[in-house]
Amino acid sequence: MSNDSATDPRTLRLFLSATALIVVLMTPIGFGLLNTPRLEAGVPTAQAHFTFPDTPAAKQLQAWLAAFNSGDRAQYRQFLENNFPTRVSDLDQEMNFRARTGGFECRKLEQASATRVSGLVQERDSDQFARFTLEVEPAEPHRIVSLSLMAIPRPAAFAIPRLSESEAVSAVKALLAKNAAADRFAGAVLVAKNGEALFSGAYGLADREKKIPNTLDTRFRIGSMNKMFTAVAVLQLVEAGKIKLTDLLGKYITDYPNQEIATKVTIHQLLTHTGGTGDIFGPEFDTHRKELRALNDYVTLYGKRGPQFEPGSRWRYSNYGMVLLGVVIERVTGQSYYDYVQEHIYKPAGMTSTGSQPEDQVVPGRSIGYMRSPGTGEWVPNTDTLPYRGTSAGGGYSTVGDLVRFANALLGHKLLNADSTDLLIAEKVEAGPGGKYAYGFEDQRDKDGNGWVGHGGGAPGMNGDLRIYPKSGYVVAVLANLDPPAAQQISEFLDARLPRAK
């Protein structure tokens, strides 16, 4: 669960993989989102493979790359003052962006004129490509007018070759060591195949003040990954005949305040983020953050709102919709959401370290989350951003081992029968360009069945990802107690390199 829907890892991943995220160097958000690891794959940079044209715009592009890539604050400030003065006030943000991306290499020029140049760049420390456009003033000294970056899928001309299993594991070990040394990763990783661990490791500190290291048993906040558990719980109740996917929300929450939501939104739509129920984050959440203690408290706060759009007409990520499913589970079972998932999901799956205890309670081994300070770029605790406790939309905690156990239990039909499992994870809607969403799971499989299902999660100071590969048998679980995309860049790296099933 994220406290900013613009940076929710679910939305973020769809955008990164599907050309929809625009990161403009004249806006206050988005820096650091073009980030997924690369160099260990041996893909060469291509900046030396072509000659920049002798134009004012191309010269400014080269100068910007040199100043930005240097990572030297004074050098970059001087460049901005002389060449891009409208950006000087955002120097802190841009230096944070540089720290998270490692800078950029120009890989291809697509258009070039005297005042405009566009093409492709790649993060120096990642697989991520972006299309850039830089414009300059027509008169000397040709200061930069605008510079934009749009994340795009990796072009076919720059395809990453698949590695053998052992090569992929060696490559991700090297990447983790590099990122941990650079303080870009702190967390734990577990890669398994057919139930057997191939690689596991823990990096960085769970508590920086007390110098407590992360371990494989460290409990990390998992953000929106709880949505998978909520969806499984709903499908269990469908199996038991207690819920129908086509039923309206008002059948189960009979006192729901807004009748348009109650009489138009179905369980299917809540599971697929197509109900138009909106988010829970923003000024109201910030004001009432510590008062929202039970799921029904969210209904009290947000239940009078009408739908953002005609239910069923489009996809838009909705944390509130998943909160409502938690309330449905409580109304149907007579149990709290937390007791239900503990008894019916965590226990049968063998997940002994997963839960959603309130933040004011001591949970052994629960890490402290660290987020970048907007002003200094230093890591600071995220304590003052956290909800009272996690919900059915996210915000709980788990370990990489428990997440792999969840994956194994799901594929082994310990949580749902085979038909219900297939229904759970199969694509239901397009979720942005190139994205596919099932019931509380992403479905990123191709027509041959290769690829993964799962979910990411994150907010300031937390990031996680679970990718389950039903055809090849791989499971990748990564958790971090740092800002996104610390964990997801590791899972993305492996996704591009692990061998496909024949």
Protein backbone atom coordinates (compact mmCIF):
# COMPACT_ATOMS: atom_id res chain seq x y z
CA MET A 1 0.00 0.00 0.00
CA SER A 2 1.39 3.38 -0.91
CA ASN A 3 0.62 6.77 0.52
CA ASP A 4 0.86 8.27 -2.94
CA SER A 5 -1.09 6.61 -5.72
CA ALA A 6 1.26 8.17 -8.28
CA THR A 7 4.10 6.09 -6.90
CA ASP A 8 2.21 2.94 -6.04
CA PRO A 9 4.48 0.09 -7.14
CA ARG A 10 1.62 -1.59 -8.95
CA THR A 11 0.95 1.49 -11.07
CA LEU A 12 4.62 2.24 -11.31
CA ARG A 13 5.53 -1.16 -12.73
CA LEU A 14 2.80 -1.01 -15.33
CA PHE A 15 4.00 2.40 -16.40
CA LEU A 16 7.65 1.41 -16.50
CA SER A 17 6.90 -1.59 -18.65
CA ALA A 18 4.43 0.12 -20.90
CA THR A 19 5.60 3.55 -22.05
CA ALA A 20 3.08 5.39 -19.92
CA LEU A 21 5.22 6.92 -17.18
CA ILE A 22 6.51 10.33 -18.09
CA VAL A 23 9.37 11.61 -16.00
CA VAL A 24 9.85 15.25 -16.86
CA LEU A 25 12.80 17.11 -15.46
CA MET A 26 10.56 20.10 -14.87
CA THR A 27 8.12 18.41 -12.51
CA PRO A 28 8.49 17.56 -8.80
CA ILE A 29 7.63 13.85 -8.98
CA GLY A 30 8.91 10.78 -10.72
CA PHE A 31 12.64 11.02 -10.14
CA GLY A 32 14.25 7.64 -9.59
CA LEU A 33 11.46 5.65 -11.22
CA LEU A 34 13.50 4.74 -14.29
CA ASN A 35 15.41 2.16 -12.36
CA THR A 36 16.00 -1.52 -13.08
CA PRO A 37 19.51 -3.12 -13.01
CA ARG A 38 21.69 -3.82 -16.07
CA LEU A 39 25.46 -3.77 -16.15
CA GLU A 40 26.11 -7.29 -14.88
CA ALA A 41 24.48 -8.73 -18.01
CA GLY A 42 27.37 -7.52 -20.08
CA VAL A 43 25.27 -5.24 -22.27
CA PRO A 44 27.71 -2.62 -23.57
CA THR A 45 26.95 1.05 -23.51
CA ALA A 46 26.58 2.58 -26.94
CA GLN A 47 27.46 6.22 -26.41
CA ALA A 48 30.74 5.72 -28.26
CA HIS A 49 29.03 3.98 -31.20
CA PHE A 50 27.88 7.18 -32.88
CA THR A 51 28.88 10.79 -33.25
CA PHE A 52 26.76 13.59 -31.88
CA PRO A 53 25.82 16.14 -34.53
CA ASP A 54 27.40 19.57 -34.34
CA THR A 55 24.22 21.41 -33.28
CA PRO A 56 23.42 23.58 -30.24
CA ALA A 57 20.84 21.07 -28.98
CA ALA A 58 23.18 18.08 -29.28
CA LYS A 59 25.98 19.98 -27.57
CA GLN A 60 23.70 20.82 -24.67
CA LEU A 61 22.63 17.18 -24.43
CA GLN A 62 26.26 16.09 -24.16
CA ALA A 63 26.96 18.79 -21.61
CA TRP A 64 23.90 17.84 -19.53
CA LEU A 65 24.88 14.17 -19.57
CA ALA A 66 28.41 14.99 -18.45
CA ALA A 67 27.28 17.24 -15.61
CA PHE A 68 24.42 15.01 -14.45
CA ASN A 69 26.42 11.79 -14.68
CA SER A 70 29.29 13.26 -12.67
CA GLY A 71 27.20 13.10 -9.53
CA ASP A 72 29.08 16.19 -8.35
CA ARG A 73 26.60 18.58 -6.79
CA ALA A 74 28.70 21.72 -7.31
CA GLN A 75 29.44 20.84 -10.93
CA TYR A 76 25.80 20.12 -11.68
CA ARG A 77 24.63 23.30 -9.94
CA GLN A 78 27.03 25.36 -12.04
CA PHE A 79 25.76 23.67 -15.19
CA LEU A 80 22.14 24.42 -14.29
CA GLU A 81 22.88 28.02 -13.40
CA ASN A 82 24.55 28.56 -16.76
CA ASN A 83 22.44 26.38 -19.03
CA PHE A 84 19.12 25.42 -17.39
CA PRO A 85 18.42 28.08 -14.74
CA THR A 86 14.76 27.14 -14.28
CA ARG A 87 15.94 23.88 -12.70
CA VAL A 88 18.29 25.27 -10.04
CA SER A 89 15.54 25.34 -7.42
CA ASP A 90 15.06 21.58 -7.87
CA LEU A 91 18.71 20.65 -7.46
CA ASP A 92 18.01 18.39 -4.45
CA GLN A 93 15.47 16.36 -6.41
CA GLU A 94 17.76 15.98 -9.38
CA MET A 95 20.68 14.86 -7.25
CA ASN A 96 18.39 12.25 -5.66
CA PHE A 97 17.39 11.21 -9.17
CA ARG A 98 21.07 10.86 -10.09
CA ALA A 99 21.75 8.75 -7.00
CA ARG A 100 18.91 6.37 -7.85
CA THR A 101 19.63 5.97 -11.55
CA GLY A 102 23.41 6.20 -11.71
CA GLY A 103 23.04 8.62 -14.60
CA PHE A 104 22.28 7.93 -18.26
CA GLU A 105 24.04 6.81 -21.41
CA CYS A 106 22.78 7.93 -24.81
CA ARG A 107 22.02 4.81 -26.83
CA LYS A 108 20.45 6.22 -29.98
CA LEU A 109 19.62 9.55 -31.60
CA GLU A 110 16.29 9.60 -33.43
CA GLN A 111 15.87 13.25 -34.45
CA ALA A 112 18.23 16.18 -34.40
CA SER A 113 17.82 19.79 -35.43
CA ALA A 114 19.51 22.97 -34.35
CA THR A 115 17.18 23.48 -31.39
CA ARG A 116 15.82 20.01 -30.67
CA VAL A 117 17.27 16.56 -30.20
CA SER A 118 15.51 13.33 -29.27
CA GLY A 119 16.42 9.68 -28.91
CA LEU A 120 16.99 6.89 -26.41
CA VAL A 121 18.94 6.80 -23.18
CA GLN A 122 19.52 3.98 -20.74
CA GLU A 123 20.17 4.17 -17.04
CA ARG A 124 23.80 3.45 -16.34
CA ASP A 125 22.91 1.11 -13.47
CA SER A 126 19.81 -0.48 -14.93
CA ASP A 127 18.02 -2.09 -17.84
CA GLN A 128 15.57 0.79 -18.10
CA PHE A 129 15.33 2.74 -21.33
CA ALA A 130 13.73 6.13 -21.78
CA ARG A 131 12.95 8.33 -24.75
CA PHE A 132 14.28 11.83 -24.27
CA THR A 133 13.56 15.17 -25.90
CA LEU A 134 15.72 18.23 -25.27
CA GLU A 135 14.98 21.68 -26.64
CA VAL A 136 17.14 24.81 -26.49
CA GLU A 137 16.66 28.49 -27.17
CA PRO A 138 17.34 29.39 -30.82
CA ALA A 139 19.65 32.29 -29.88
CA GLU A 140 22.97 32.03 -28.12
CA PRO A 141 23.86 30.91 -25.53
CA HIS A 142 21.21 28.28 -26.41
CA ARG A 143 20.03 27.61 -22.87
CA ILE A 144 17.91 24.51 -22.33
CA VAL A 145 14.18 25.21 -22.51
CA SER A 146 12.93 21.73 -21.63
CA LEU A 147 14.17 18.20 -21.06
CA SER A 148 11.81 15.25 -20.74
CA LEU A 149 12.22 11.52 -20.23
CA MET A 150 9.53 8.91 -20.93
CA ALA A 151 10.10 5.36 -19.73
CA ILE A 152 9.68 2.83 -22.53
CA PRO A 153 9.98 -0.95 -22.86
CA ARG A 154 13.45 -2.04 -23.83
CA PRO A 155 13.69 -1.82 -27.64
CA ALA A 156 14.17 -5.11 -29.49
CA ALA A 157 17.44 -3.83 -30.94
CA PHE A 158 18.84 -3.79 -27.40
CA ALA A 159 17.42 -7.12 -26.25
CA ILE A 160 19.00 -8.73 -23.19
CA PRO A 161 20.09 -12.31 -23.83
CA ARG A 162 18.67 -15.02 -21.58
CA LEU A 163 21.22 -16.54 -19.23
CA SER A 164 21.55 -20.01 -17.84
CA GLU A 165 20.16 -20.50 -14.37
CA SER A 166 23.61 -20.43 -12.75
CA GLU A 167 24.62 -17.37 -14.77
CA ALA A 168 21.47 -15.51 -13.76
CA VAL A 169 22.07 -16.31 -10.09
CA SER A 170 25.70 -15.19 -10.33
CA ALA A 171 24.65 -11.99 -12.06
CA VAL A 172 22.05 -11.08 -9.46
CA LYS A 173 24.51 -11.80 -6.64
CA ALA A 174 26.93 -9.34 -8.20
CA LEU A 175 24.19 -6.77 -8.66
CA LEU A 176 23.02 -7.10 -5.05
CA ALA A 177 26.56 -6.71 -3.76
CA LYS A 178 27.01 -3.62 -5.90
CA ASN A 179 23.69 -2.03 -4.91
CA ALA A 180 24.20 -2.82 -1.21
CA ALA A 181 27.68 -1.29 -1.30
CA ALA A 182 26.22 1.83 -2.91
CA ASP A 183 23.43 1.92 -0.27
CA ARG A 184 20.78 1.38 -2.95
CA PHE A 185 19.59 -1.94 -1.53
CA ALA A 186 18.91 -3.13 1.99
CA GLY A 187 16.71 -6.18 2.38
CA ALA A 188 16.45 -9.87 1.59
CA VAL A 189 16.14 -12.01 -1.53
CA LEU A 190 15.05 -15.62 -2.09
CA VAL A 191 15.04 -17.32 -5.48
CA ALA A 192 13.56 -20.82 -5.67
CA LYS A 193 12.62 -23.35 -8.30
CA ASN A 194 10.08 -26.11 -7.83
CA GLY A 195 10.18 -25.56 -4.09
CA GLU A 196 13.97 -25.67 -3.73
CA ALA A 197 16.01 -22.57 -2.90
CA LEU A 198 18.56 -21.59 -5.55
CA PHE A 199 19.84 -18.47 -3.85
CA SER A 200 19.11 -16.44 -0.74
CA GLY A 201 20.77 -13.47 0.85
CA ALA A 202 20.25 -10.54 3.20
CA TYR A 203 21.88 -7.13 2.94
CA GLY A 204 22.11 -3.87 4.81
CA LEU A 205 20.63 -2.84 8.12
CA ALA A 206 17.20 -3.40 9.63
CA ASP A 207 17.91 -0.65 12.17
CA ARG A 208 20.58 1.86 11.23
CA GLU A 209 20.75 3.49 14.65
CA LYS A 210 21.26 0.20 16.50
CA LYS A 211 23.31 -1.37 13.65
CA ILE A 212 21.00 -4.42 13.48
CA PRO A 213 21.56 -6.27 10.19
CA ASN A 214 18.86 -7.57 7.93
CA THR A 215 18.56 -11.36 7.84
CA LEU A 216 16.42 -13.84 5.95
CA ASP A 217 14.09 -13.81 8.96
CA THR A 218 13.69 -10.03 9.04
CA ARG A 219 10.09 -8.93 8.68
CA PHE A 220 9.69 -6.22 6.05
CA ARG A 221 6.61 -4.14 5.33
CA ILE A 222 5.17 -5.39 2.06
CA GLY A 223 2.92 -2.56 0.91
CA SER A 224 0.30 -3.62 -1.64
CA MET A 225 1.37 -7.26 -1.66
CA ASN A 226 -1.39 -7.94 0.88
CA LYS A 227 -3.82 -7.63 -2.02
CA MET A 228 -2.85 -11.15 -3.06
CA PHE A 229 -3.93 -12.51 0.32
CA THR A 230 -7.20 -10.59 0.17
CA ALA A 231 -7.98 -11.94 -3.29
CA VAL A 232 -7.25 -15.52 -2.20
CA ALA A 233 -9.56 -15.03 0.79
CA VAL A 234 -12.39 -13.81 -1.44
CA LEU A 235 -11.96 -16.76 -3.82
CA GLN A 236 -12.01 -19.15 -0.85
CA LEU A 237 -15.37 -17.71 0.13
CA VAL A 238 -16.54 -18.02 -3.48
CA GLU A 239 -15.56 -21.70 -3.36
CA ALA A 240 -17.53 -22.06 -0.14
CA GLY A 241 -20.61 -20.51 -1.75
CA LYS A 242 -20.61 -17.52 0.59
CA ILE A 243 -19.75 -14.90 -2.04
CA LYS A 244 -20.61 -14.56 -5.72
CA LEU A 245 -18.29 -12.58 -7.95
CA THR A 246 -21.22 -11.01 -9.78
CA ASP A 247 -22.91 -9.83 -6.59
CA LEU A 248 -23.11 -6.14 -5.76
CA LEU A 249 -21.19 -4.66 -2.86
CA GLY A 250 -24.44 -3.63 -1.17
CA LYS A 251 -25.47 -7.25 -0.74
CA TYR A 252 -22.69 -7.73 1.80
CA ILE A 253 -22.26 -4.22 3.23
CA THR A 254 -25.97 -3.52 3.56
CA ASP A 255 -25.47 -0.19 5.33
CA TYR A 256 -22.98 1.21 2.82
CA PRO A 257 -23.46 5.01 2.78
CA ASN A 258 -23.27 5.75 -0.96
CA GLN A 259 -26.03 3.95 -2.81
CA GLU A 260 -24.48 4.40 -6.24
CA ILE A 261 -21.44 2.42 -5.11
CA ALA A 262 -23.58 -0.09 -3.23
CA THR A 263 -25.89 -0.79 -6.18
CA LYS A 264 -23.44 -0.65 -9.11
CA VAL A 265 -20.07 -2.03 -7.97
CA THR A 266 -19.56 -5.80 -8.01
CA ILE A 267 -17.08 -8.02 -6.20
CA HIS A 268 -15.45 -8.77 -9.55
CA GLN A 269 -14.91 -5.06 -10.13
CA LEU A 270 -13.36 -4.55 -6.71
CA LEU A 271 -10.95 -7.43 -7.34
CA THR A 272 -9.93 -5.99 -10.71
CA HIS A 273 -9.76 -2.26 -9.80
CA THR A 274 -12.58 -1.45 -12.20
CA GLY A 275 -15.19 -0.29 -9.69
CA GLY A 276 -14.21 3.38 -9.61
CA THR A 277 -13.95 3.37 -5.82
CA GLY A 278 -10.87 5.58 -5.63
CA ASP A 279 -7.95 5.70 -3.26
CA ILE A 280 -7.56 6.20 0.47
CA PHE A 281 -4.49 8.44 0.44
CA GLY A 282 -4.40 12.20 0.43
CA PRO A 283 -5.20 15.03 2.85
CA GLU A 284 -8.02 13.15 4.59
CA PHE A 285 -5.78 10.17 5.25
CA ASP A 286 -2.98 12.41 6.50
CA THR A 287 -5.39 14.09 8.91
CA HIS A 288 -6.92 10.87 10.25
CA ARG A 289 -3.97 8.49 9.79
CA LYS A 290 -3.80 7.28 13.40
CA GLU A 291 -7.58 7.19 13.84
CA LEU A 292 -8.09 4.62 11.05
CA ARG A 293 -7.74 1.51 13.20
CA ALA A 294 -10.34 -0.90 11.83
CA LEU A 295 -11.37 -1.51 8.23
CA ASN A 296 -14.80 -0.06 8.85
CA ASP A 297 -13.16 3.22 9.90
CA TYR A 298 -12.21 3.69 6.26
CA VAL A 299 -15.84 3.21 5.23
CA THR A 300 -16.88 5.84 7.76
CA LEU A 301 -14.35 8.29 6.30
CA TYR A 302 -14.75 7.57 2.59
CA GLY A 303 -18.09 5.81 2.26
CA LYS A 304 -20.10 8.86 1.20
CA ARG A 305 -18.05 9.30 -1.99
CA GLY A 306 -19.59 8.36 -5.29
CA PRO A 307 -17.74 6.43 -8.02
CA GLN A 308 -14.94 8.18 -9.89
CA PHE A 309 -16.27 6.72 -13.14
CA GLU A 310 -18.99 4.36 -14.30
CA PRO A 311 -18.22 1.04 -12.55
CA GLY A 312 -16.82 -1.51 -14.98
CA SER A 313 -15.93 1.03 -17.66
CA ARG A 314 -12.19 1.30 -17.02
CA TRP A 315 -9.26 0.27 -14.83
CA ARG A 316 -7.84 2.48 -12.11
CA TYR A 317 -5.83 1.21 -9.16
CA SER A 318 -7.96 1.44 -6.02
CA ASN A 319 -6.64 0.80 -2.56
CA TYR A 320 -10.07 1.65 -1.19
CA GLY A 321 -11.65 -1.08 -3.29
CA MET A 322 -9.40 -3.63 -1.61
CA VAL A 323 -10.26 -2.21 1.81
CA LEU A 324 -13.92 -2.76 0.94
CA LEU A 325 -13.18 -6.41 0.10
CA GLY A 326 -11.71 -6.77 3.57
CA VAL A 327 -14.95 -5.43 5.02
CA VAL A 328 -16.91 -7.89 2.87
CA ILE A 329 -14.80 -10.75 4.26
CA GLU A 330 -15.56 -9.56 7.78
CA ARG A 331 -19.31 -9.28 7.14
CA VAL A 332 -19.50 -12.72 5.49
CA THR A 333 -17.39 -14.64 8.00
CA GLY A 334 -18.10 -12.82 11.25
CA GLN A 335 -14.34 -12.69 11.84
CA SER A 336 -11.93 -9.81 11.63
CA TYR A 337 -10.05 -9.71 8.34
CA TYR A 338 -6.82 -10.28 10.23
CA ASP A 339 -8.08 -13.41 11.99
CA TYR A 340 -9.48 -14.81 8.74
CA VAL A 341 -6.27 -14.54 6.74
CA GLN A 342 -4.24 -15.84 9.67
CA GLU A 343 -6.40 -18.95 9.95
CA HIS A 344 -7.15 -19.62 6.28
CA ILE A 345 -4.05 -18.38 4.44
CA TYR A 346 -1.01 -17.89 6.66
CA LYS A 347 -1.51 -21.02 8.76
CA PRO A 348 -2.13 -23.55 5.94
CA ALA A 349 0.71 -22.02 3.92
CA GLY A 350 3.13 -22.24 6.86
CA MET A 351 3.62 -18.46 6.97
CA THR A 352 4.69 -17.97 10.58
CA SER A 353 6.20 -14.48 10.26
CA THR A 354 3.49 -12.64 8.33
CA GLY A 355 0.92 -10.32 9.84
CA SER A 356 -0.43 -6.79 10.24
CA GLN A 357 0.08 -5.94 13.89
CA PRO A 358 -0.27 -2.21 14.64
CA GLU A 359 2.80 -0.06 14.32
CA ASP A 360 2.71 0.85 18.01
CA GLN A 361 3.16 -2.81 18.98
CA VAL A 362 6.55 -4.45 19.22
CA VAL A 363 6.95 -7.05 16.46
CA PRO A 364 10.19 -9.03 16.83
CA GLY A 365 12.42 -8.71 13.80
CA ARG A 366 10.34 -6.03 12.05
CA SER A 367 12.70 -3.69 10.25
CA ILE A 368 12.61 0.08 10.26
CA GLY A 369 11.83 1.56 6.87
CA TYR A 370 14.09 4.28 5.50
CA MET A 371 13.10 6.88 2.94
CA ARG A 372 15.12 9.54 1.17
CA SER A 373 14.86 12.95 2.80
CA PRO A 374 13.59 15.35 0.12
CA GLY A 375 16.03 17.99 1.27
CA THR A 376 19.26 16.13 1.91
CA GLY A 377 18.82 12.82 0.14
CA GLU A 378 19.84 11.03 3.35
CA TRP A 379 17.99 7.94 4.56
CA VAL A 380 15.55 8.81 7.38
CA PRO A 381 12.95 6.62 9.16
CA ASN A 382 9.49 6.51 7.56
CA THR A 383 7.75 6.17 10.93
CA ASP A 384 5.63 9.30 10.61
CA THR A 385 4.16 8.19 7.28
CA LEU A 386 2.83 4.79 8.38
CA PRO A 387 -0.85 3.94 8.95
CA TYR A 388 -1.97 2.66 12.34
CA ARG A 389 -1.80 -0.86 10.91
CA GLY A 390 -1.93 -2.65 7.58
CA THR A 391 -5.23 -3.36 5.88
CA SER A 392 -6.67 -5.69 3.27
CA ALA A 393 -5.20 -3.29 0.69
CA GLY A 394 -1.67 -3.51 2.05
CA GLY A 395 0.70 -2.38 4.74
CA GLY A 396 1.39 -5.67 6.52
CA TYR A 397 4.75 -7.37 6.90
CA SER A 398 6.34 -10.65 5.86
CA THR A 399 9.61 -12.41 5.12
CA VAL A 400 10.98 -13.66 1.83
CA GLY A 401 10.63 -17.22 3.13
CA ASP A 402 6.96 -16.74 3.95
CA LEU A 403 6.29 -15.26 0.53
CA VAL A 404 7.84 -18.28 -1.17
CA ARG A 405 5.79 -20.55 1.10
CA PHE A 406 2.68 -18.63 0.02
CA ALA A 407 3.60 -19.16 -3.64
CA ASN A 408 4.20 -22.87 -3.09
CA ALA A 409 0.90 -23.28 -1.22
CA LEU A 410 -0.97 -21.46 -3.97
CA LEU A 411 0.52 -23.52 -6.80
CA GLY A 412 0.16 -26.68 -4.71
CA HIS A 413 -3.59 -25.97 -4.30
CA LYS A 414 -3.40 -25.83 -0.51
CA LEU A 415 -5.32 -22.54 -0.49
CA LEU A 416 -7.69 -22.95 -3.45
CA ASN A 417 -8.62 -25.79 -5.76
CA ALA A 418 -7.08 -25.91 -9.22
CA ASP A 419 -9.97 -24.20 -11.00
CA SER A 420 -10.17 -21.39 -8.46
CA THR A 421 -6.40 -20.90 -8.60
CA ASP A 422 -6.54 -20.56 -12.37
CA LEU A 423 -9.43 -18.12 -12.05
CA LEU A 424 -7.52 -16.10 -9.46
CA ILE A 425 -4.37 -15.50 -11.48
CA ALA A 426 -5.68 -15.33 -15.06
CA GLU A 427 -5.84 -11.96 -16.80
CA LYS A 428 -9.17 -10.15 -16.46
CA VAL A 429 -8.51 -6.59 -17.63
CA GLU A 430 -5.93 -4.45 -19.33
CA ALA A 431 -4.35 -2.27 -16.70
CA GLY A 432 -2.69 0.51 -18.61
CA PRO A 433 -0.71 -0.02 -21.81
CA GLY A 434 0.84 -3.48 -21.70
CA GLY A 435 -0.37 -4.27 -18.20
CA LYS A 436 -2.66 -7.14 -17.27
CA TYR A 437 -4.50 -7.55 -13.99
CA ALA A 438 -6.24 -10.61 -12.61
CA TYR A 439 -7.86 -10.88 -9.15
CA GLY A 440 -5.43 -9.14 -6.81
CA PHE A 441 -2.56 -10.43 -8.95
CA GLU A 442 -0.77 -9.15 -11.99
CA ASP A 443 -0.63 -11.65 -14.85
CA GLN A 444 2.46 -10.95 -16.95
CA ARG A 445 2.53 -14.21 -18.95
CA ASP A 446 2.83 -14.45 -22.70
CA LYS A 447 0.72 -16.56 -25.04
CA ASP A 448 3.01 -19.55 -24.39
CA GLY A 449 2.54 -19.31 -20.63
CA ASN A 450 6.02 -17.99 -19.93
CA GLY A 451 6.25 -15.11 -17.49
CA TRP A 452 4.98 -14.48 -14.01
CA VAL A 453 2.03 -13.74 -11.78
CA GLY A 454 2.29 -11.88 -8.50
CA HIS A 455 2.27 -8.40 -7.04
CA GLY A 456 4.61 -5.69 -5.87
CA GLY A 457 4.20 -3.22 -3.08
CA GLY A 458 5.78 -0.12 -1.73
CA ALA A 459 5.66 3.32 -0.21
CA PRO A 460 8.33 5.58 1.23
CA GLY A 461 10.77 3.33 3.08
CA MET A 462 9.40 0.00 1.85
CA ASN A 463 9.40 -2.05 -1.34
CA GLY A 464 8.65 -5.66 -2.15
CA ASP A 465 7.91 -7.98 -5.03
CA LEU A 466 6.75 -11.55 -5.47
CA ARG A 467 6.95 -13.13 -8.92
CA ILE A 468 5.67 -16.65 -9.44
CA TYR A 469 6.50 -18.41 -12.71
CA PRO A 470 3.95 -21.24 -13.03
CA LYS A 471 5.46 -22.72 -16.20
CA SER A 472 9.17 -22.68 -15.32
CA GLY A 473 8.73 -23.24 -11.58
CA TYR A 474 10.72 -20.20 -10.44
CA VAL A 475 9.65 -18.03 -7.53
CA VAL A 476 11.40 -14.72 -6.84
CA ALA A 477 10.75 -12.89 -3.56
CA VAL A 478 12.50 -9.62 -2.80
CA LEU A 479 11.85 -7.32 0.16
CA ALA A 480 13.58 -4.06 1.05
CA ASN A 481 13.32 -1.48 3.80
CA LEU A 482 14.18 1.34 1.40
CA ASP A 483 12.18 3.39 -1.09
CA PRO A 484 10.93 1.86 -4.33
CA PRO A 485 12.33 0.59 -6.60
CA ALA A 486 15.01 -1.01 -4.39
CA ALA A 487 13.36 -4.44 -4.44
CA GLN A 488 11.61 -4.33 -7.79
CA GLN A 489 14.79 -3.52 -9.67
CA ILE A 490 16.15 -6.87 -8.48
CA SER A 491 13.09 -8.85 -9.58
CA GLU A 492 13.05 -6.99 -12.92
CA PHE A 493 16.71 -7.84 -13.43
CA LEU A 494 16.05 -11.55 -12.88
CA ASP A 495 12.89 -11.51 -14.97
CA ALA A 496 14.88 -10.43 -18.02
CA ARG A 497 17.57 -13.08 -17.53
CA LEU A 498 16.18 -16.27 -16.01
CA PRO A 499 15.76 -19.03 -18.62
CA ARG A 500 12.33 -19.62 -20.07
CA ALA A 501 10.56 -22.94 -19.92
CA LYS A 502 10.71 -24.94 -23.15
